[in-house]
Amino acid sequence: MRMHAFFPLLALVCIMLSKSEGWWRGLGLFFVLVAAVVVREAARLIVAAWLGLRLRAVLLLPVGGLFAYANPESQEIANQGVGQFAMALAGPLANGITALMLGAAFIGAGGDVQLFPHPWITAAWLLRSMVWMQAGLAVLHLVPAYPLDAGRLLRGSFARSHGISPEGRAASGLGQLLAGTAMIGGMLMHSYWLTIAGFFILIAAQVEDQGVFFQSVVDTVHMREVMLTDFATLSPSDTLADALVRCVHSLQEDFPVVRGPQLVGIVSRQRIVDALRNEGNGYVQSVMSRAFQVARPEDTLGAIIRRISAGHGLSLIPVTESGRVVGIVSVQNLMSSMSLLSEQRRLEHQEAGK
């Protein structure tokens, strides 16, 4: 779980906007917002667990969290049918119910808590703000602006009738239009919360679009385009001392271990060094890992990234063809390979345009 850099920045904004009430009340107002986001995301995580979704990461923003799924199956469940509606309704329902419960508790307690005078969200009345922050976040996600919950449902409706690519552009365009309108309207009406909401909807849309763009790119890149073809291998009968010599003359961190043409294991440079220090000289077969996955040259990079992410420390995937290792892909070289491939495609596109 990660927090976007603009989230803590909002704490400073709340403090600056609450100078007359005191900095500690501004900080309290920030934590009121944090509480609303926590309630929303806790409900969505419960629904995700109920649906059996596997998450890779959650990025928290002041308007809610963005989920990154660990496999295509989870992504498909979350974006279609019952799963799509369950994930979209969980957050607003949780915030709405929490707002009603807090309001009933404050009124029932008989204290001097005035829920309805304006402004509803203010550092001067933190208890009132607790109720309306929860209600406001619930109502916000009923606005059909992608990537808010209602906007996701709208995008799914577009996808069923017009296809994936057009729906993405249409939903993003509508979301940006509504976010821009909210920002301008907030400035004209001197409603800084409306302006802040519009700003963070734009930020969330950009973050989400970057994730979708990255996914679309990696799903079109094949292993043969980014795999290392100049690599060193070890034999299970090599001594650790001999393997260390190979490590000295190679930039690889991990090595395929092959017996003839057959891949039998993977060993890391660090594992070789640790074994020599702790156990003395031995053979590679005694320290190599036999738990590995292989890829084919025609596999997409997106599929391999998901394997690496779910591989619990997996750092190298050999690429095999007809049982023979023809390349390797590692986390170490993946980003540099992608950067070089991007430059190569750019040059090819320029040449084709001449």
Protein backbone atom coordinates (compact mmCIF):
# COMPACT_ATOMS: atom_id res chain seq x y z
CA MET A 1 0.00 0.00 0.00
CA ARG A 2 1.44 3.34 -1.08
CA MET A 3 0.41 6.93 -0.51
CA HIS A 4 0.57 9.46 -3.34
CA ALA A 5 2.88 12.42 -2.73
CA PHE A 6 -0.05 14.84 -2.98
CA PHE A 7 -1.79 13.18 -0.02
CA PRO A 8 0.56 14.51 2.71
CA LEU A 9 0.76 17.79 0.79
CA LEU A 10 -2.97 18.16 1.46
CA ALA A 11 -2.18 18.24 5.19
CA LEU A 12 -0.25 21.49 4.62
CA VAL A 13 -3.15 22.88 2.59
CA CYS A 14 -5.61 22.08 5.40
CA ILE A 15 -3.32 23.76 7.95
CA MET A 16 -2.90 26.89 5.80
CA LEU A 17 -6.65 27.14 5.14
CA SER A 18 -7.34 26.90 8.89
CA LYS A 19 -4.97 29.56 10.22
CA SER A 20 -7.73 31.40 12.05
CA GLU A 21 -8.82 28.27 13.92
CA GLY A 22 -5.29 27.08 14.71
CA TRP A 23 -2.89 24.72 12.97
CA TRP A 24 -3.90 21.74 15.09
CA ARG A 25 -7.51 22.05 13.92
CA GLY A 26 -6.30 22.15 10.32
CA LEU A 27 -4.34 18.97 10.96
CA GLY A 28 -7.44 17.50 12.59
CA LEU A 29 -9.44 18.31 9.46
CA PHE A 30 -6.83 16.45 7.40
CA PHE A 31 -7.21 13.36 9.59
CA VAL A 32 -10.99 13.62 9.17
CA LEU A 33 -10.36 13.23 5.42
CA VAL A 34 -7.94 10.36 6.05
CA ALA A 35 -10.59 8.60 8.13
CA ALA A 36 -13.11 8.89 5.29
CA VAL A 37 -10.63 7.40 2.81
CA VAL A 38 -9.77 4.59 5.25
CA VAL A 39 -13.45 3.68 5.67
CA ARG A 40 -13.91 3.63 1.91
CA GLU A 41 -10.83 1.57 1.11
CA ALA A 42 -11.41 -0.87 3.99
CA ALA A 43 -14.84 -1.64 2.53
CA ARG A 44 -13.41 -2.09 -0.97
CA LEU A 45 -10.66 -4.39 0.33
CA ILE A 46 -13.28 -6.53 2.09
CA VAL A 47 -15.29 -6.79 -1.13
CA ALA A 48 -12.11 -7.59 -3.09
CA ALA A 49 -11.35 -10.43 -0.66
CA TRP A 50 -14.95 -11.66 -0.96
CA LEU A 51 -14.62 -11.72 -4.75
CA GLY A 52 -11.27 -13.55 -4.49
CA LEU A 53 -9.31 -10.76 -6.18
CA ARG A 54 -5.52 -10.73 -5.93
CA LEU A 55 -4.05 -7.25 -5.48
CA ARG A 56 -0.52 -6.22 -6.32
CA ALA A 57 -0.68 -2.70 -4.85
CA VAL A 58 -3.04 0.02 -3.61
CA LEU A 59 -2.22 3.69 -4.25
CA LEU A 60 -4.00 6.05 -1.85
CA LEU A 61 -5.22 9.45 -3.04
CA PRO A 62 -7.45 11.97 -1.20
CA VAL A 63 -10.39 10.90 -3.42
CA GLY A 64 -9.81 7.18 -2.74
CA GLY A 65 -7.50 4.36 -3.69
CA LEU A 66 -6.42 2.94 -7.05
CA PHE A 67 -6.07 -0.85 -7.16
CA ALA A 68 -3.42 -2.67 -9.19
CA TYR A 69 -4.31 -6.32 -9.71
CA ALA A 70 -1.81 -9.17 -9.59
CA ASN A 71 -3.26 -11.12 -12.50
CA PRO A 72 -5.57 -10.60 -15.50
CA GLU A 73 -8.29 -12.79 -13.95
CA SER A 74 -8.68 -10.42 -10.98
CA GLN A 75 -8.71 -7.42 -13.32
CA GLU A 76 -11.45 -9.03 -15.40
CA ILE A 77 -13.60 -9.90 -12.38
CA ALA A 78 -13.28 -6.36 -10.99
CA ASN A 79 -14.26 -4.75 -14.31
CA GLN A 80 -17.19 -6.92 -15.33
CA GLY A 81 -20.58 -8.07 -14.10
CA VAL A 82 -21.29 -8.45 -10.39
CA GLY A 83 -17.69 -7.73 -9.43
CA GLN A 84 -17.74 -4.35 -11.15
CA PHE A 85 -20.93 -3.25 -9.36
CA ALA A 86 -19.77 -4.64 -6.01
CA MET A 87 -16.46 -2.77 -6.17
CA ALA A 88 -18.20 0.43 -7.33
CA LEU A 89 -20.88 0.40 -4.62
CA ALA A 90 -18.71 -0.68 -1.68
CA GLY A 91 -17.01 2.68 -1.14
CA PRO A 92 -20.04 5.01 -1.39
CA LEU A 93 -22.17 2.68 0.73
CA ALA A 94 -19.52 2.45 3.45
CA ASN A 95 -19.05 6.23 3.56
CA GLY A 96 -22.80 6.89 3.44
CA ILE A 97 -23.61 4.43 6.23
CA THR A 98 -20.74 5.78 8.35
CA ALA A 99 -22.04 9.34 7.88
CA LEU A 100 -25.54 8.32 9.02
CA MET A 101 -24.18 6.44 12.03
CA LEU A 102 -21.95 9.33 13.10
CA GLY A 103 -24.78 11.86 12.63
CA ALA A 104 -27.20 9.73 14.66
CA ALA A 105 -24.60 9.24 17.40
CA PHE A 106 -23.81 12.95 17.69
CA ILE A 107 -27.49 13.97 17.74
CA GLY A 108 -28.38 11.16 20.15
CA ALA A 109 -25.59 12.13 22.53
CA GLY A 110 -27.39 15.43 23.10
CA GLY A 111 -24.28 17.57 22.77
CA ASP A 112 -23.96 20.92 21.08
CA VAL A 113 -23.21 19.44 17.66
CA GLN A 114 -24.95 21.40 14.91
CA LEU A 115 -24.86 19.27 11.78
CA PHE A 116 -26.63 21.44 9.22
CA PRO A 117 -25.30 25.02 9.42
CA HIS A 118 -22.83 26.04 6.69
CA PRO A 119 -20.01 25.43 6.10
CA TRP A 120 -20.49 21.69 6.49
CA ILE A 121 -16.76 20.89 6.38
CA THR A 122 -14.63 23.26 8.43
CA ALA A 123 -11.77 23.09 10.89
CA ALA A 124 -13.90 25.05 13.39
CA TRP A 125 -16.37 22.14 13.76
CA LEU A 126 -14.50 18.86 13.45
CA LEU A 127 -17.37 16.64 14.62
CA ARG A 128 -19.69 18.12 12.00
CA SER A 129 -16.91 17.75 9.44
CA MET A 130 -16.56 14.04 10.28
CA VAL A 131 -20.17 13.48 9.20
CA TRP A 132 -20.08 15.57 6.04
CA MET A 133 -16.62 14.40 4.93
CA GLN A 134 -17.93 10.83 4.90
CA ALA A 135 -21.10 11.91 3.10
CA GLY A 136 -19.17 14.11 0.68
CA LEU A 137 -16.81 11.31 -0.35
CA ALA A 138 -19.80 9.03 -0.92
CA VAL A 139 -21.57 11.61 -3.10
CA LEU A 140 -18.35 12.45 -4.95
CA HIS A 141 -18.04 8.88 -6.22
CA LEU A 142 -21.58 9.02 -7.61
CA VAL A 143 -20.36 11.62 -10.14
CA PRO A 144 -19.73 9.92 -13.53
CA ALA A 145 -16.14 11.18 -13.75
CA TYR A 146 -13.52 8.50 -14.40
CA PRO A 147 -11.80 7.12 -12.30
CA LEU A 148 -14.49 7.69 -9.67
CA ASP A 149 -16.79 4.74 -9.03
CA ALA A 150 -19.68 5.96 -11.19
CA GLY A 151 -17.16 6.85 -13.90
CA ARG A 152 -15.84 3.28 -13.86
CA LEU A 153 -19.35 1.94 -14.34
CA LEU A 154 -19.85 4.38 -17.21
CA ARG A 155 -16.58 3.24 -18.79
CA GLY A 156 -17.68 -0.37 -18.48
CA SER A 157 -20.96 0.49 -20.21
CA PHE A 158 -19.06 2.21 -23.04
CA ALA A 159 -16.77 -0.81 -23.35
CA ARG A 160 -19.67 -3.22 -23.84
CA SER A 161 -21.16 -1.10 -26.63
CA HIS A 162 -18.14 0.55 -28.31
CA GLY A 163 -15.04 -1.46 -27.39
CA ILE A 164 -12.08 -1.02 -25.07
CA SER A 165 -10.10 1.76 -26.77
CA PRO A 166 -12.98 4.18 -27.51
CA GLU A 167 -14.45 3.70 -24.03
CA GLY A 168 -11.15 4.60 -22.40
CA ARG A 169 -10.87 7.84 -24.32
CA ALA A 170 -14.53 8.76 -23.81
CA ALA A 171 -14.52 8.05 -20.06
CA SER A 172 -11.21 9.86 -19.50
CA GLY A 173 -12.39 12.85 -21.54
CA LEU A 174 -15.66 13.13 -19.63
CA GLY A 175 -13.84 12.74 -16.31
CA GLN A 176 -11.37 15.49 -17.16
CA LEU A 177 -14.18 17.77 -18.32
CA LEU A 178 -16.12 17.29 -15.08
CA ALA A 179 -12.96 17.68 -12.98
CA GLY A 180 -12.08 20.92 -14.76
CA THR A 181 -15.64 22.18 -14.29
CA ALA A 182 -15.44 21.39 -10.57
CA MET A 183 -12.17 23.28 -10.22
CA ILE A 184 -13.48 26.36 -12.05
CA GLY A 185 -16.81 26.22 -10.20
CA GLY A 186 -15.02 25.91 -6.87
CA MET A 187 -12.92 28.99 -7.58
CA LEU A 188 -15.95 31.01 -8.71
CA MET A 189 -18.01 29.98 -5.68
CA HIS A 190 -15.04 30.27 -3.29
CA SER A 191 -15.47 26.59 -2.39
CA TYR A 192 -11.94 25.31 -1.88
CA TRP A 193 -13.15 21.75 -1.21
CA LEU A 194 -14.81 21.62 -4.64
CA THR A 195 -11.59 22.91 -6.23
CA ILE A 196 -9.48 20.37 -4.33
CA ALA A 197 -11.84 17.54 -5.36
CA GLY A 198 -11.60 18.50 -9.03
CA PHE A 199 -7.81 18.72 -8.83
CA PHE A 200 -7.43 15.27 -7.30
CA ILE A 201 -9.88 13.74 -9.78
CA LEU A 202 -7.53 14.98 -12.51
CA ILE A 203 -4.51 13.53 -10.69
CA ALA A 204 -6.26 10.18 -10.19
CA ALA A 205 -7.27 10.06 -13.86
CA GLN A 206 -3.70 10.71 -14.98
CA VAL A 207 -2.28 8.04 -12.65
CA GLU A 208 -4.89 5.54 -13.83
CA ASP A 209 -4.28 6.38 -17.50
CA GLN A 210 -0.53 5.89 -17.04
CA GLY A 211 -1.18 2.44 -15.58
CA VAL A 212 -3.51 1.51 -18.44
CA PHE A 213 -1.03 2.84 -21.02
CA PHE A 214 1.85 0.90 -19.44
CA GLN A 215 -0.25 -2.27 -19.43
CA SER A 216 -1.20 -1.80 -23.08
CA VAL A 217 2.48 -1.32 -23.99
CA VAL A 218 3.86 -4.32 -22.12
CA ASP A 219 1.12 -6.54 -23.52
CA THR A 220 2.34 -5.78 -27.06
CA VAL A 221 6.03 -6.41 -26.35
CA HIS A 222 7.25 -9.99 -26.75
CA MET A 223 10.08 -11.70 -24.92
CA ARG A 224 12.23 -12.02 -28.03
CA GLU A 225 12.34 -8.21 -28.19
CA VAL A 226 13.73 -7.62 -24.68
CA MET A 227 15.48 -10.85 -23.65
CA LEU A 228 19.24 -10.92 -23.21
CA THR A 229 20.79 -13.20 -25.81
CA ASP A 230 24.39 -12.73 -24.68
CA PHE A 231 24.46 -14.44 -21.29
CA ALA A 232 26.50 -16.93 -19.27
CA THR A 233 25.32 -20.29 -17.98
CA LEU A 234 26.66 -22.65 -15.33
CA SER A 235 26.71 -26.41 -15.08
CA PRO A 236 25.50 -28.29 -11.98
CA SER A 237 28.90 -30.02 -11.91
CA ASP A 238 30.82 -26.72 -11.77
CA THR A 239 32.54 -26.02 -8.47
CA LEU A 240 31.51 -22.91 -6.58
CA ALA A 241 35.05 -21.55 -6.97
CA ASP A 242 34.83 -21.92 -10.75
CA ALA A 243 31.36 -20.37 -10.72
CA LEU A 244 32.73 -17.39 -8.78
CA VAL A 245 35.31 -16.84 -11.52
CA ARG A 246 32.46 -16.74 -14.07
CA CYS A 247 30.66 -14.21 -11.87
CA VAL A 248 33.70 -11.93 -11.83
CA HIS A 249 33.67 -11.78 -15.64
CA SER A 250 29.89 -11.32 -16.02
CA LEU A 251 27.46 -8.53 -15.18
CA GLN A 252 24.70 -11.06 -14.47
CA GLU A 253 23.27 -11.37 -10.98
CA ASP A 254 21.55 -14.70 -11.72
CA PHE A 255 22.65 -17.62 -13.89
CA PRO A 256 20.71 -20.44 -15.60
CA VAL A 257 22.14 -23.83 -14.67
CA VAL A 258 22.05 -26.25 -17.61
CA ARG A 259 22.96 -29.89 -18.08
CA GLY A 260 23.60 -30.17 -21.80
CA PRO A 261 20.72 -28.30 -23.45
CA GLN A 262 18.35 -28.91 -20.50
CA LEU A 263 17.65 -26.22 -17.91
CA VAL A 264 17.86 -27.74 -14.41
CA GLY A 265 18.07 -24.74 -12.08
CA ILE A 266 18.92 -21.12 -11.34
CA VAL A 267 21.58 -19.77 -9.00
CA SER A 268 22.39 -16.22 -7.95
CA ARG A 269 25.79 -14.63 -7.55
CA GLN A 270 25.03 -13.83 -3.90
CA ARG A 271 24.06 -17.46 -3.19
CA ILE A 272 27.42 -18.63 -4.57
CA VAL A 273 29.36 -16.13 -2.45
CA ASP A 274 27.40 -16.97 0.71
CA ALA A 275 27.91 -20.72 0.19
CA LEU A 276 31.67 -20.29 -0.28
CA ARG A 277 31.94 -18.18 2.87
CA ASN A 278 29.81 -20.40 5.08
CA GLU A 279 30.32 -23.91 3.73
CA GLY A 280 33.48 -23.80 1.64
CA ASN A 281 33.87 -25.05 -1.89
CA GLY A 282 31.23 -27.38 -3.30
CA TYR A 283 29.17 -27.85 -6.43
CA VAL A 284 26.63 -25.59 -8.06
CA GLN A 285 23.96 -28.29 -7.91
CA SER A 286 24.01 -28.13 -4.12
CA VAL A 287 23.07 -24.44 -3.98
CA MET A 288 20.99 -23.90 -7.13
CA SER A 289 17.24 -23.33 -6.95
CA ARG A 290 15.08 -25.86 -8.72
CA ALA A 291 11.99 -23.65 -8.40
CA PHE A 292 11.84 -21.56 -11.56
CA GLN A 293 9.55 -20.58 -14.39
CA VAL A 294 10.36 -20.40 -18.07
CA ALA A 295 9.01 -18.26 -20.88
CA ARG A 296 8.77 -18.67 -24.61
CA PRO A 297 10.02 -16.08 -27.10
CA GLU A 298 6.45 -15.32 -28.18
CA ASP A 299 5.17 -14.69 -24.62
CA THR A 300 4.26 -11.08 -23.87
CA LEU A 301 6.23 -8.99 -21.43
CA GLY A 302 3.04 -8.23 -19.50
CA ALA A 303 2.56 -11.91 -18.71
CA ILE A 304 6.18 -12.21 -17.56
CA ILE A 305 5.96 -9.13 -15.33
CA ARG A 306 2.95 -10.68 -13.63
CA ARG A 307 4.96 -13.88 -13.13
CA ILE A 308 7.85 -11.95 -11.59
CA SER A 309 5.45 -10.01 -9.35
CA ALA A 310 3.81 -13.21 -8.13
CA GLY A 311 7.03 -15.18 -7.93
CA HIS A 312 7.95 -14.37 -4.32
CA GLY A 313 11.49 -13.20 -4.98
CA LEU A 314 11.78 -14.56 -8.51
CA SER A 315 14.38 -12.38 -10.21
CA LEU A 316 15.18 -14.25 -13.46
CA ILE A 317 13.10 -16.03 -16.07
CA PRO A 318 14.93 -18.08 -18.72
CA VAL A 319 13.47 -17.99 -22.23
CA THR A 320 13.49 -21.43 -23.82
CA GLU A 321 12.78 -22.72 -27.31
CA SER A 322 12.59 -26.46 -28.03
CA GLY A 323 13.96 -27.11 -24.56
CA ARG A 324 17.06 -24.93 -25.09
CA VAL A 325 17.75 -21.66 -23.26
CA VAL A 326 17.88 -18.91 -25.89
CA GLY A 327 17.67 -15.87 -23.62
CA ILE A 328 17.03 -14.57 -20.13
CA VAL A 329 14.88 -11.80 -18.68
CA SER A 330 15.71 -10.37 -15.28
CA VAL A 331 14.40 -7.53 -13.16
CA GLN A 332 17.93 -6.12 -13.32
CA ASN A 333 17.94 -5.62 -17.10
CA LEU A 334 14.22 -5.22 -17.79
CA MET A 335 13.96 -1.43 -17.46
CA SER A 336 17.07 -0.75 -19.54
CA SER A 337 15.86 -3.16 -22.22
CA MET A 338 12.45 -1.45 -22.31
CA SER A 339 14.10 1.98 -22.61
CA LEU A 340 16.29 0.83 -25.50
CA LEU A 341 13.35 -0.89 -27.19
CA SER A 342 11.32 2.32 -26.94
CA GLU A 343 14.15 4.26 -28.58
CA GLN A 344 14.47 1.61 -31.31
CA ARG A 345 10.74 1.78 -32.08
CA ARG A 346 10.88 5.57 -32.16
CA LEU A 347 13.70 5.50 -34.72
CA GLU A 348 11.89 2.88 -36.81
CA HIS A 349 8.76 5.03 -36.76
CA GLN A 350 10.76 8.04 -37.93
CA GLU A 351 12.35 6.03 -40.73
CA ALA A 352 8.95 4.73 -41.82
CA GLY A 353 7.60 8.30 -41.94
CA LYS A 354 10.30 9.51 -44.33
